[in-house]
Amino acid sequence: MSLKTAKEIWDYLKAEYEGDERICGMKALNLIRDFELQKMKESESVKEYSDRLLNIANKVRLLGSVLNDSRIVEKLLVTVPEKFEATITTLENTKDLSKISLTELLNALQAQE
């Protein structure tokens, strides 16, 4: 109430709700931890799971930290259920998994689904 101009109010709200670098860093670390703990449920579709991972990744990126698509690809390859094992094996035999794009992996997994 004591702030007079819109700029003062904006700066106050920005500082209050955005936080300083330390707080942003802690938020990013918490999101990365959340990302690491994610696993695909048997009843979940590839689309739902990938959306959940990408949502976390985008929040991390908005906070100024880096979470590459290659890390998301690795996460998907490791955490999908066994029913996708044949698709992953086929991809391993036909492509270099270290260079596969996120879109390409998601398309292959969704095609099997």
Protein backbone atom coordinates (compact mmCIF):
# COMPACT_ATOMS: atom_id res chain seq x y z
CA MET A 1 0.00 0.00 0.00
CA SER A 2 2.91 2.36 0.58
CA LEU A 3 4.22 1.97 -2.98
CA LYS A 4 3.29 4.87 -5.24
CA THR A 5 4.09 3.93 -8.84
CA ALA A 6 3.30 0.90 -10.95
CA LYS A 7 7.06 0.31 -11.39
CA GLU A 8 7.61 0.17 -7.61
CA ILE A 9 4.71 -2.26 -7.25
CA TRP A 10 6.00 -4.41 -10.12
CA ASP A 11 9.53 -4.52 -8.70
CA TYR A 12 8.19 -5.45 -5.27
CA LEU A 13 6.01 -8.25 -6.65
CA LYS A 14 8.83 -9.53 -8.84
CA ALA A 15 11.23 -9.71 -5.89
CA GLU A 16 8.56 -11.23 -3.64
CA TYR A 17 7.37 -14.01 -5.94
CA GLU A 18 10.32 -14.70 -8.21
CA GLY A 19 12.96 -14.75 -5.51
CA ASP A 20 16.66 -14.27 -5.75
CA GLU A 21 19.18 -16.48 -7.54
CA ARG A 22 19.59 -18.77 -4.54
CA ILE A 23 15.87 -19.46 -4.38
CA CYS A 24 15.68 -20.04 -8.14
CA GLY A 25 18.62 -22.43 -7.86
CA MET A 26 16.89 -24.37 -5.11
CA LYS A 27 13.66 -24.52 -7.12
CA ALA A 28 15.62 -25.84 -10.11
CA LEU A 29 17.35 -28.48 -7.94
CA ASN A 30 14.00 -29.62 -6.55
CA LEU A 31 12.57 -29.90 -10.05
CA ILE A 32 15.62 -31.84 -11.27
CA ARG A 33 15.25 -34.21 -8.32
CA ASP A 34 11.58 -34.61 -9.21
CA PHE A 35 12.60 -35.31 -12.83
CA GLU A 36 15.08 -37.97 -11.71
CA LEU A 37 12.46 -39.73 -9.56
CA GLN A 38 9.88 -40.04 -12.35
CA LYS A 39 8.97 -43.50 -13.63
CA MET A 40 6.41 -44.49 -16.21
CA LYS A 41 3.39 -46.30 -14.81
CA GLU A 42 2.13 -49.44 -16.55
CA SER A 43 -1.27 -47.83 -17.08
CA GLU A 44 0.20 -44.59 -18.43
CA SER A 45 0.55 -43.77 -22.11
CA VAL A 46 3.82 -42.62 -23.67
CA LYS A 47 2.20 -39.25 -24.38
CA GLU A 48 1.15 -38.74 -20.75
CA TYR A 49 4.57 -39.71 -19.44
CA SER A 50 6.50 -37.61 -21.95
CA ASP A 51 4.23 -34.64 -21.23
CA ARG A 52 4.97 -35.03 -17.51
CA LEU A 53 8.73 -35.11 -18.15
CA LEU A 54 8.63 -32.19 -20.58
CA ASN A 55 6.56 -30.14 -18.16
CA ILE A 56 9.26 -30.54 -15.50
CA ALA A 57 12.03 -29.89 -18.03
CA ASN A 58 10.36 -26.67 -19.19
CA LYS A 59 10.01 -25.44 -15.60
CA VAL A 60 13.73 -26.12 -15.05
CA ARG A 61 14.57 -24.21 -18.23
CA LEU A 62 12.41 -21.27 -17.19
CA LEU A 63 14.48 -21.02 -14.02
CA GLY A 64 17.61 -20.67 -16.13
CA SER A 65 19.05 -24.16 -15.69
CA VAL A 66 19.90 -26.56 -18.49
CA LEU A 67 18.09 -29.84 -19.07
CA ASN A 68 18.87 -31.06 -22.58
CA ASP A 69 16.61 -33.16 -24.78
CA SER A 70 19.33 -35.83 -24.76
CA ARG A 71 18.85 -36.16 -20.99
CA ILE A 72 15.09 -36.58 -21.52
CA VAL A 73 15.79 -39.26 -24.17
CA GLU A 74 18.06 -41.12 -21.70
CA LYS A 75 15.39 -40.87 -19.02
CA LEU A 76 12.74 -42.30 -21.35
CA LEU A 77 14.97 -45.16 -22.47
CA VAL A 78 15.69 -46.17 -18.88
CA THR A 79 12.26 -45.75 -17.31
CA VAL A 80 9.74 -47.10 -19.83
CA PRO A 81 8.11 -50.43 -18.88
CA GLU A 82 9.32 -53.78 -20.22
CA LYS A 83 6.58 -53.87 -22.86
CA PHE A 84 8.69 -51.33 -24.83
CA GLU A 85 11.87 -53.42 -24.62
CA ALA A 86 11.47 -54.74 -28.18
CA THR A 87 11.16 -51.23 -29.59
CA ILE A 88 14.22 -50.04 -27.69
CA THR A 89 16.23 -53.06 -28.84
CA THR A 90 15.22 -52.38 -32.44
CA LEU A 91 16.29 -48.74 -32.08
CA GLU A 92 19.63 -49.84 -30.56
CA ASN A 93 20.26 -52.09 -33.55
CA THR A 94 19.29 -49.56 -36.20
CA LYS A 95 20.33 -46.19 -34.77
CA ASP A 96 22.90 -44.56 -32.54
CA LEU A 97 20.87 -43.98 -29.37
CA SER A 98 23.22 -41.22 -28.24
CA LYS A 99 22.13 -39.20 -31.29
CA ILE A 100 18.45 -40.09 -31.51
CA SER A 101 16.09 -37.12 -31.25
CA LEU A 102 13.37 -36.89 -28.65
CA THR A 103 10.71 -36.71 -31.37
CA GLU A 104 12.06 -39.81 -33.10
CA LEU A 105 12.06 -41.81 -29.85
CA LEU A 106 8.57 -40.68 -28.90
CA ASN A 107 7.25 -41.58 -32.36
CA ALA A 108 8.77 -45.07 -32.13
CA LEU A 109 7.35 -45.67 -28.65
CA GLN A 110 3.92 -44.34 -29.59
CA ALA A 111 3.89 -46.48 -32.74
CA GLN A 112 4.30 -49.62 -30.61
CA GLU A 113 1.60 -48.45 -28.24
